Amino acid sequence: MNRKYLQSSNVSAVRYQPFTGLLEIAFHDGQVYQYFKVPAKLYSDMMHASSHGNFFNYNIRRQFTYRKLG
């Protein structure tokens, strides 16, 4: 799972594992969360969104089971 760094005011980087749907999101404030069973299409849409942070807030945050790593 390679980390992809983003040009975003909120999201620093993401990692995604398509076989399990594990999406890891690192924020600029140092917090890291893992979201479970995120569909590949949703991840792809986020990566192509004009605002990664807005897409995350409206389509992923509070929509999937997650755990905080740091």
Protein backbone atom coordinates (compact mmCIF):
# COMPACT_ATOMS: atom_id res chain seq x y z
CA MET A 1 0.00 0.00 0.00
CA ASN A 2 1.84 3.10 -1.23
CA ARG A 3 1.13 6.48 0.27
CA LYS A 4 -0.04 9.16 -2.18
CA TYR A 5 0.55 12.74 -1.16
CA LEU A 6 -2.17 15.22 -2.09
CA GLN A 7 -2.38 18.92 -2.77
CA SER A 8 -5.12 19.59 -0.24
CA SER A 9 -5.67 22.07 2.56
CA ASN A 10 -6.91 19.28 4.86
CA VAL A 11 -5.74 15.86 3.65
CA SER A 12 -2.00 15.24 3.58
CA ALA A 13 -1.84 11.73 2.11
CA VAL A 14 -3.86 8.59 1.45
CA ARG A 15 -3.23 4.87 1.12
CA TYR A 16 -5.71 2.43 -0.34
CA GLN A 17 -5.80 -1.36 -0.50
CA PRO A 18 -8.35 -2.38 -3.14
CA PHE A 19 -8.70 -6.03 -2.08
CA THR A 20 -9.86 -5.15 1.43
CA GLY A 21 -11.21 -1.63 0.84
CA LEU A 22 -8.91 -0.22 3.53
CA LEU A 23 -8.49 3.52 3.11
CA GLU A 24 -5.93 5.28 5.29
CA ILE A 25 -6.07 9.06 5.44
CA ALA A 26 -3.41 11.28 6.98
CA PHE A 27 -4.31 14.86 7.80
CA HIS A 28 -2.01 17.87 7.99
CA ASP A 29 -2.48 18.03 11.78
CA GLY A 30 -0.82 14.61 12.10
CA GLN A 31 -3.94 12.54 12.73
CA VAL A 32 -4.26 9.30 10.76
CA TYR A 33 -7.46 7.29 10.33
CA GLN A 34 -8.24 3.99 8.66
CA TYR A 35 -11.64 3.51 7.02
CA PHE A 36 -12.86 0.00 6.30
CA LYS A 37 -14.63 -1.50 3.27
CA VAL A 38 -14.44 1.65 1.15
CA PRO A 39 -15.37 0.75 -2.45
CA ALA A 40 -12.66 1.21 -5.09
CA LYS A 41 -14.98 3.49 -7.10
CA LEU A 42 -15.36 5.84 -4.14
CA TYR A 43 -11.59 5.97 -3.66
CA SER A 44 -11.12 6.69 -7.37
CA ASP A 45 -13.74 9.43 -7.25
CA MET A 46 -11.99 11.01 -4.26
CA MET A 47 -8.64 10.99 -6.05
CA HIS A 48 -10.20 12.76 -9.04
CA ALA A 49 -12.26 15.25 -7.04
CA SER A 50 -11.44 18.94 -7.30
CA SER A 51 -11.43 19.08 -3.48
CA HIS A 52 -10.18 15.94 -1.74
CA GLY A 53 -11.18 17.28 1.68
CA ASN A 54 -14.74 18.15 0.67
CA PHE A 55 -15.18 14.80 -1.04
CA PHE A 56 -13.92 13.03 2.08
CA ASN A 57 -16.22 15.01 4.37
CA TYR A 58 -19.35 14.39 2.29
CA ASN A 59 -18.76 10.82 1.10
CA ILE A 60 -16.46 8.96 3.49
CA ARG A 61 -16.34 10.60 6.91
CA ARG A 62 -18.99 9.10 9.21
CA GLN A 63 -20.10 6.77 6.40
CA PHE A 64 -17.69 3.91 7.13
CA THR A 65 -16.35 2.13 10.18
CA TYR A 66 -12.99 3.61 11.12
CA ARG A 67 -10.23 3.66 13.69
CA LYS A 68 -7.84 6.41 14.67
CA LEU A 69 -4.15 5.52 14.46
CA GLY A 70 -2.45 8.71 15.52
